C-alpha atoms as a PDB file:
ATOM      1  CA  MET A   1    -102.596   7.252 -20.375  1.00  0.00           C
ATOM      2  CA  VAL A   2     -99.010   8.048 -19.279  1.00  0.00           C
ATOM      3  CA  ASN A   3     -98.190  11.709 -18.923  1.00  0.00           C
ATOM      4  CA  ARG A   4     -95.336  12.407 -21.351  1.00  0.00           C
ATOM      5  CA  SER A   5     -94.189  15.415 -19.352  1.00  0.00           C
ATOM      6  CA  ASN A   6     -93.657  13.285 -16.267  1.00  0.00           C
ATOM      7  CA  VAL A   7     -91.741  10.699 -18.282  1.00  0.00           C
ATOM      8  CA  ARG A   8     -89.368  13.350 -19.625  1.00  0.00           C
ATOM      9  CA  LYS A   9     -88.754  14.649 -16.115  1.00  0.00           C
ATOM     10  CA  LEU A  10     -88.064  11.146 -14.870  1.00  0.00           C
ATOM     11  CA  ILE A  11     -85.611  10.502 -17.706  1.00  0.00           C
ATOM     12  CA  ILE A  12     -83.832  13.823 -17.100  1.00  0.00           C
ATOM     13  CA  ILE A  13     -83.536  13.102 -13.377  1.00  0.00           C
ATOM     14  CA  SER A  14     -82.208   9.587 -14.044  1.00  0.00           C
ATOM     15  CA  VAL A  15     -79.631  10.833 -16.539  1.00  0.00           C
ATOM     16  CA  GLY A  16     -78.545  13.576 -14.137  1.00  0.00           C
ATOM     17  CA  PHE A  17     -78.206  11.059 -11.328  1.00  0.00           C
ATOM     18  CA  ILE A  18     -76.092   8.746 -13.492  1.00  0.00           C
ATOM     19  CA  LEU A  19     -73.851  11.639 -14.601  1.00  0.00           C
ATOM     20  CA  ALA A  20     -73.412  12.656 -10.974  1.00  0.00           C
ATOM     21  CA  LEU A  21     -72.346   9.127 -10.051  1.00  0.00           C
ATOM     22  CA  VAL A  22     -69.891   8.989 -12.956  1.00  0.00           C
ATOM     23  CA  GLY A  23     -68.449  12.365 -11.974  1.00  0.00           C
ATOM     24  CA  ALA A  24     -68.061  11.319  -8.362  1.00  0.00           C
ATOM     25  CA  ALA A  25     -66.338   8.093  -9.364  1.00  0.00           C
ATOM     26  CA  GLY A  26     -63.976   9.991 -11.667  1.00  0.00           C
ATOM     27  CA  TYR A  27     -63.168  12.466  -8.899  1.00  0.00           C
ATOM     28  CA  ILE A  28     -62.336   9.667  -6.450  1.00  0.00           C
ATOM     29  CA  ILE A  29     -60.187   7.808  -8.985  1.00  0.00           C
ATOM     30  CA  TYR A  30     -58.319  10.977 -10.007  1.00  0.00           C
ATOM     31  CA  HIS A  31     -57.504  12.122  -6.480  1.00  0.00           C
ATOM     32  CA  GLY A  32     -56.766   8.588  -5.351  1.00  0.00           C
ATOM     33  CA  GLY A  33     -54.195   8.245  -8.148  1.00  0.00           C
ATOM     34  CA  ASN A  34     -52.588  11.592  -7.305  1.00  0.00           C
ATOM     35  CA  SER A  35     -52.398  10.595  -3.667  1.00  0.00           C
ATOM     36  CA  SER A  36     -50.565   7.386  -4.604  1.00  0.00           C
ATOM     37  CA  LYS A  37     -48.174   9.304  -6.822  1.00  0.00           C
ATOM     38  CA  LYS A  38     -47.374  11.774  -4.039  1.00  0.00           C
ATOM     39  CA  GLU A  39     -46.305   8.901  -1.780  1.00  0.00           C
ATOM     40  CA  LEU A  40     -43.738   7.564  -4.268  1.00  0.00           C
ATOM     41  CA  PRO A  41     -40.988  10.226  -3.967  1.00  0.00           C
ATOM     42  CA  PRO A  42     -40.176   9.490  -0.286  1.00  0.00           C
ATOM     43  CA  LYS A  43     -39.738   5.834  -1.211  1.00  0.00           C
ATOM     44  CA  ILE A  44     -37.455   6.709  -4.128  1.00  0.00           C
ATOM     45  CA  VAL A  45     -35.454   9.129  -1.978  1.00  0.00           C
ATOM     46  CA  GLN A  46     -35.068   6.452   0.660  1.00  0.00           C
ATOM     47  CA  GLU A  47     -33.900   3.914  -1.906  1.00  0.00           C
ATOM     48  CA  SER A  48     -31.457   6.446  -3.297  1.00  0.00           C
ATOM     49  CA  ARG A  49     -30.145   7.221   0.169  1.00  0.00           C
ATOM     50  CA  GLU A  50     -29.677   3.535   0.934  1.00  0.00           C
ATOM     51  CA  THR A  51     -27.803   3.086  -2.355  1.00  0.00           C
ATOM     52  CA  ASN A  52     -25.535   6.049  -1.586  1.00  0.00           C
ATOM     53  CA  ASP A  53     -24.892   4.761   1.928  1.00  0.00           C
ATOM     54  CA  SER A  54     -23.989   1.348   0.511  1.00  0.00           C
ATOM     55  CA  SER A  55     -21.618   2.910  -2.033  1.00  0.00           C
ATOM     56  CA  SER A  56     -19.955   4.984   0.689  1.00  0.00           C
ATOM     57  CA  LYS A  57     -19.420   1.885   2.811  1.00  0.00           C
ATOM     58  CA  GLU A  58     -17.920   0.006  -0.141  1.00  0.00           C
ATOM     59  CA  GLU A  59     -15.591   2.939  -0.891  1.00  0.00           C
ATOM     60  CA  ALA A  60     -14.535   3.095   2.764  1.00  0.00           C
ATOM     61  CA  VAL A  61     -13.819  -0.646   2.834  1.00  0.00           C
ATOM     62  CA  THR A  62     -11.830  -0.392  -0.414  1.00  0.00           C
ATOM     63  CA  LYS A  63      -9.850   2.581   0.913  1.00  0.00           C
ATOM     64  CA  ASN A  64      -9.094   0.862   4.220  1.00  0.00           C
ATOM     65  CA  SER A  65      -8.061  -2.308   2.399  1.00  0.00           C
ATOM     66  CA  SER A  66      -5.771  -0.315   0.096  1.00  0.00           C
ATOM     67  CA  GLU A  67      -4.180   1.570   3.010  1.00  0.00           C
ATOM     68  CA  LYS A  68      -3.641  -1.697   4.885  1.00  0.00           C
ATOM     69  CA  SER A  69      -2.008  -3.250   1.834  1.00  0.00           C
ATOM     70  CA  GLU A  70       0.318  -0.243   1.437  1.00  0.00           C
ATOM     71  CA  GLU A  71       1.288  -0.397   5.121  1.00  0.00           C
ATOM     72  CA  GLU A  72       2.063  -4.100   4.830  1.00  0.00           C
ATOM     73  CA  SER A  73       4.184  -3.524   1.714  1.00  0.00           C
ATOM     74  CA  SER A  74       6.092  -0.695   3.414  1.00  0.00           C
ATOM     75  CA  LYS A  75       6.747  -2.949   6.409  1.00  0.00           C
ATOM     76  CA  ILE A  76       8.156  -5.605   4.054  1.00  0.00           C
ATOM     77  CA  VAL A  77      10.541  -3.000   2.633  1.00  0.00           C
ATOM     78  CA  VAL A  78      11.646  -1.733   6.056  1.00  0.00           C
ATOM     79  CA  ASP A  79      12.176  -5.260   7.404  1.00  0.00           C
ATOM     80  CA  PHE A  80      14.348  -6.004   4.383  1.00  0.00           C
ATOM     81  CA  LEU A  81      16.382  -2.796   4.759  1.00  0.00           C
ATOM     82  CA  LYS A  82      17.119  -3.536   8.420  1.00  0.00           C
ATOM     83  CA  VAL A  83      18.652  -6.886   7.472  1.00  0.00           C
ATOM     84  CA  TYR A  84      20.287  -5.642   4.273  1.00  0.00           C
ATOM     85  CA  SER A  85      22.238  -2.893   6.081  1.00  0.00           C
ATOM     86  CA  SER A  86      23.258  -4.770   9.245  1.00  0.00           C
ATOM     87  CA  TRP A  87      26.059  -7.253   9.896  1.00  0.00           C
ATOM     88  CA  GLU A  88      29.104  -7.809  12.064  1.00  0.00           C
ATOM     89  CA  LEU A  89      32.494  -8.909  10.796  1.00  0.00           C
ATOM     90  CA  ASN A  90      32.178 -12.549  11.768  1.00  0.00           C
ATOM     91  CA  ALA A  91      30.966 -15.648   9.953  1.00  0.00           C
ATOM     92  CA  SER A  92      27.936 -16.181  12.191  1.00  0.00           C
ATOM     93  CA  SER A  93      26.520 -12.693  11.568  1.00  0.00           C
ATOM     94  CA  ILE A  94      27.196 -12.875   7.837  1.00  0.00           C
ATOM     95  CA  ASP A  95      25.525 -16.290   7.516  1.00  0.00           C
ATOM     96  CA  GLU A  96      22.499 -15.122   9.506  1.00  0.00           C
ATOM     97  CA  ARG A  97      22.117 -12.061   7.261  1.00  0.00           C
ATOM     98  CA  GLN A  98      22.380 -14.236   4.167  1.00  0.00           C
ATOM     99  CA  ASP A  99      19.645 -16.611   5.381  1.00  0.00           C
ATOM    100  CA  LYS A 100      17.288 -13.771   6.323  1.00  0.00           C
ATOM    101  CA  LEU A 101      17.773 -12.000   3.007  1.00  0.00           C
ATOM    102  CA  GLN A 102      17.001 -15.210   1.158  1.00  0.00           C
ATOM    103  CA  SER A 103      13.656 -15.438   2.986  1.00  0.00           C
ATOM    104  CA  LEU A 104      12.844 -11.764   2.360  1.00  0.00           C
ATOM    105  CA  MET A 105      13.649 -11.766  -1.372  1.00  0.00           C
ATOM    106  CA  THR A 106      12.396 -13.475  -4.494  1.00  0.00           C
ATOM    107  CA  GLU A 107      14.771 -16.065  -5.917  1.00  0.00           C
ATOM    108  CA  LYS A 108      15.509 -13.800  -8.877  1.00  0.00           C
ATOM    109  CA  GLY A 109      16.275 -10.815  -6.670  1.00  0.00           C
ATOM    110  CA  TYR A 110      18.470 -12.877  -4.359  1.00  0.00           C
ATOM    111  CA  GLN A 111      20.486 -14.243  -7.279  1.00  0.00           C
ATOM    112  CA  ASN A 112      20.815 -10.891  -9.049  1.00  0.00           C
ATOM    113  CA  LEU A 113      22.240  -9.211  -5.939  1.00  0.00           C
ATOM    114  CA  HIS A 114      24.834 -11.989  -5.525  1.00  0.00           C
ATOM    115  CA  ILE A 115      24.076 -12.242  -1.807  1.00  0.00           C
ATOM    116  CA  ALA A 116      25.598 -15.704  -1.366  1.00  0.00           C
ATOM    117  CA  GLU A 117      28.730 -14.886  -3.371  1.00  0.00           C
ATOM    118  CA  ASP A 118      29.328 -11.635  -1.479  1.00  0.00           C
ATOM    119  CA  ALA A 119      28.870 -13.401   1.862  1.00  0.00           C
ATOM    120  CA  THR A 120      31.439 -16.045   0.934  1.00  0.00           C
ATOM    121  CA  SER A 121      33.897 -13.410  -0.298  1.00  0.00           C
ATOM    122  CA  LEU A 122      33.557 -11.337   2.875  1.00  0.00           C
ATOM    123  CA  LYS A 123      34.121 -14.357   5.135  1.00  0.00           C
ATOM    124  CA  LEU A 124      37.293 -15.253   3.220  1.00  0.00           C
ATOM    125  CA  MET A 125      38.614 -11.701   3.606  1.00  0.00           C
ATOM    126  CA  ILE A 126      37.904 -11.811   7.339  1.00  0.00           C
ATOM    127  CA  GLU A 127      39.810 -15.102   7.644  1.00  0.00           C
ATOM    128  CA  ALA A 128      42.757 -13.638   5.744  1.00  0.00           C
ATOM    129  CA  PHE A 129      42.769 -10.535   7.921  1.00  0.00           C
ATOM    130  CA  GLU A 130      42.674 -12.595  11.114  1.00  0.00           C
ATOM    131  CA  LYS A 131      45.838 -14.417   9.968  1.00  0.00           C
ATOM    132  CA  ASP A 132      48.086 -11.505   9.050  1.00  0.00           C
ATOM    133  CA  LYS A 133      46.155  -8.404  10.262  1.00  0.00           C
ATOM    134  CA  THR A 134      46.898  -6.710   6.960  1.00  0.00           C
ATOM    135  CA  ILE A 135      44.731  -4.021   5.384  1.00  0.00           C
ATOM    136  CA  ASN A 136      45.315  -3.113   1.755  1.00  0.00           C
ATOM    137  CA  THR A 137      43.524  -1.326  -1.046  1.00  0.00           C
ATOM    138  CA  SER A 138      41.721  -4.482  -2.129  1.00  0.00           C
ATOM    139  CA  ASN A 139      39.986  -5.164   1.182  1.00  0.00           C
ATOM    140  CA  SER A 140      39.912  -1.859   3.075  1.00  0.00           C
ATOM    141  CA  SER A 141      36.563  -0.795   1.583  1.00  0.00           C
ATOM    142  CA  GLN A 142      34.937  -4.209   2.107  1.00  0.00           C
ATOM    143  CA  LEU A 143      36.068  -5.135   5.605  1.00  0.00           C
ATOM    144  CA  VAL A 144      33.370  -3.012   7.243  1.00  0.00           C
ATOM    145  CA  SER A 145      30.487  -3.745   9.555  1.00  0.00           C
ATOM    146  CA  ARG A 146      27.163  -1.969   9.208  1.00  0.00           C
ATOM    147  CA  SER A 147      24.315  -1.100  11.537  1.00  0.00           C
ATOM    148  CA  TYR A 148      20.853   0.097  10.464  1.00  0.00           C
ATOM    149  CA  ILE A 149      19.819   3.551  11.706  1.00  0.00           C
ATOM    150  CA  LYS A 150      16.588   4.439   9.910  1.00  0.00           C
ATOM    151  CA  SER A 151      14.962   4.623   6.504  1.00  0.00           C
ATOM    152  CA  LYS A 152      12.539   6.801   4.574  1.00  0.00           C
ATOM    153  CA  VAL A 153      10.321   4.835   2.221  1.00  0.00           C
ATOM    154  CA  PHE A 154       8.316   6.439  -0.598  1.00  0.00           C
ATOM    155  CA  GLN A 155       5.903   4.393  -2.706  1.00  0.00           C
ATOM    156  CA  ASP A 156       5.560   5.202  -6.409  1.00  0.00           C
ATOM    157  CA  ALA A 157       2.154   6.770  -7.094  1.00  0.00           C
ATOM    158  CA  SER A 158       1.591   5.042 -10.430  1.00  0.00           C
ATOM    159  CA  ASN A 159       3.237   1.691  -9.666  1.00  0.00           C
ATOM    160  CA  LYS A 160       2.606   0.408  -6.142  1.00  0.00           C
ATOM    161  CA  ALA A 161       5.332  -2.221  -6.504  1.00  0.00           C
ATOM    162  CA  LEU A 162       8.095   0.402  -6.774  1.00  0.00           C
ATOM    163  CA  TYR A 163       9.705   2.224  -3.854  1.00  0.00           C
ATOM    164  CA  TYR A 164      12.220   5.022  -3.481  1.00  0.00           C
ATOM    165  CA  VAL A 165      14.272   4.691  -0.326  1.00  0.00           C
ATOM    166  CA  GLU A 166      16.682   6.770   1.725  1.00  0.00           C
ATOM    167  CA  LEU A 167      18.580   4.286   3.874  1.00  0.00           C
ATOM    168  CA  TYR A 168      20.663   5.506   6.818  1.00  0.00           C
ATOM    169  CA  TYR A 169      23.183   3.227   8.503  1.00  0.00           C
ATOM    170  CA  THR A 170      26.485   3.305  10.376  1.00  0.00           C
ATOM    171  CA  GLU A 171      29.551   1.885   8.648  1.00  0.00           C
ATOM    172  CA  CYS A 172      32.624   0.918  10.651  1.00  0.00           C
ATOM    173  CA  PRO A 173      35.876  -0.305   9.040  1.00  0.00           C
ATOM    174  CA  ILE A 174      37.603  -3.197  10.751  1.00  0.00           C
ATOM    175  CA  TYR A 175      40.543  -1.005  11.794  1.00  0.00           C
ATOM    176  CA  GLN A 176      38.344   1.637  13.525  1.00  0.00           C
ATOM    177  CA  ASP A 177      36.502   1.591  16.826  1.00  0.00           C
ATOM    178  CA  LYS A 178      33.905   4.170  15.818  1.00  0.00           C
ATOM    179  CA  GLY A 179      31.892   4.190  12.627  1.00  0.00           C
ATOM    180  CA  TYR A 180      30.396   6.987  10.542  1.00  0.00           C
ATOM    181  CA  PRO A 181      26.844   7.544   9.261  1.00  0.00           C
ATOM    182  CA  VAL A 182      26.051   6.854   5.637  1.00  0.00           C
ATOM    183  CA  VAL A 183      22.969   7.538   3.515  1.00  0.00           C
ATOM    184  CA  ALA A 184      22.151   5.497   0.429  1.00  0.00           C
ATOM    185  CA  LYS A 185      19.453   6.258  -2.133  1.00  0.00           C
ATOM    186  CA  ILE A 186      17.845   3.109  -3.449  1.00  0.00           C
ATOM    187  CA  ASN A 187      15.238   2.110  -6.017  1.00  0.00           C
ATOM    188  CA  LEU A 188      13.486  -1.042  -4.915  1.00  0.00           C
ATOM    189  CA  SER A 189      10.640  -3.243  -6.161  1.00  0.00           C
ATOM    190  CA  VAL A 190       8.399  -5.747  -4.388  1.00  0.00           C
ATOM    191  CA  GLN A 191       6.725  -8.802  -5.877  1.00  0.00           C
ATOM    192  CA  ASP A 192       4.556 -11.350  -4.054  1.00  0.00           C
ATOM    193  CA  SER A 193       5.376  -9.715  -0.702  1.00  0.00           C
ATOM    194  CA  LYS A 194       9.127 -10.078  -1.275  1.00  0.00           C
ATOM    195  CA  VAL A 195      11.849  -7.736  -2.485  1.00  0.00           C
ATOM    196  CA  ASP A 196      12.445  -8.490  -6.149  1.00  0.00           C
ATOM    197  CA  ALA A 197      15.051  -5.930  -7.216  1.00  0.00           C
ATOM    198  CA  LEU A 198      17.332  -3.301  -5.711  1.00  0.00           C
ATOM    199  CA  ASP A 199      19.417  -0.573  -7.298  1.00  0.00           C
ATOM    200  CA  VAL A 200      21.638   1.771  -5.253  1.00  0.00           C
ATOM    201  CA  THR A 201      21.637   5.088  -7.129  1.00  0.00           C
ATOM    202  CA  ASP A 202      23.722   7.146  -4.696  1.00  0.00           C
ATOM    203  CA  ILE A 203      25.702   6.651  -1.502  1.00  0.00           C
ATOM    204  CA  LYS A 204      27.635   9.090   0.671  1.00  0.00           C
ATOM    205  CA  ALA A 205      29.052   9.502   4.172  1.00  0.00           C
ATOM    206  CA  LEU A 206      27.400  12.067   6.439  1.00  0.00           C
ATOM    207  CA  PRO A 207      28.975  14.405   8.996  1.00  0.00           C
ATOM    208  CA  GLY A 208      29.107  13.028  12.505  1.00  0.00           C
ATOM    209  CA  GLY A 209      31.570  10.163  12.391  1.00  0.00           C
ATOM    210  CA  GLU A 210      35.122   9.213  11.647  1.00  0.00           C
ATOM    211  CA  LYS A 211      36.036   8.136   8.151  1.00  0.00           C
ATOM    212  CA  ASN A 212      39.531   7.624   6.872  1.00  0.00           C
ATOM    213  CA  ASN A 213      41.510   5.280   4.701  1.00  0.00           C
ATOM    214  CA  GLY A 214      43.938   4.350   7.448  1.00  0.00           C
ATOM    215  CA  GLY A 215      45.355   0.944   8.111  1.00  0.00           C
ATOM    216  CA  ASN A 216      48.372  -1.053   7.162  1.00  0.00           C
ATOM    217  CA  SER A 217      49.287  -1.257   3.501  1.00  0.00           C
END
């Protein structure tokens, strides 16, 4: 006959052993899960850092590209101003200026400034002067040569196509040997890498040269 007391003890021991195994398994699973969770933050931080580094590089590239574009646009303006404010009183120089301006300007800008018409008019006045050497009120202000000195170019903050310019050049009337410095304030716009419009808002002679209204009348 089986001893009931021994059976109870055996059952109690078996149950205790099973509970111990379950507890051990739960402990391992719990701490194993926590260990995995603790390893995640470094990975997330690394991913975040890589994302930030990538964004910084993109911003740097965008900034450099923008600065390069602004420098190129400013160079276009300066190249135009050098041609616009320089010519000698002879047909060859006037024709050369006209051709260069046509290549540096949009068709609309070139037409609106009447570059071709002004060049033709100036050449006719030079021819007339060479015949009779006469200076009068109608041609004294136009029979002048110009030579570029320098320019200050400011780009509009809200519209990158607009520029405010201080243009310095020497102006020399045909009846004088020495010219005088002049400063002109100009509003200017650029389109498709060419000067599209120009408006002279102010112009005045500066100290340091000879300016008079002399000549034959």
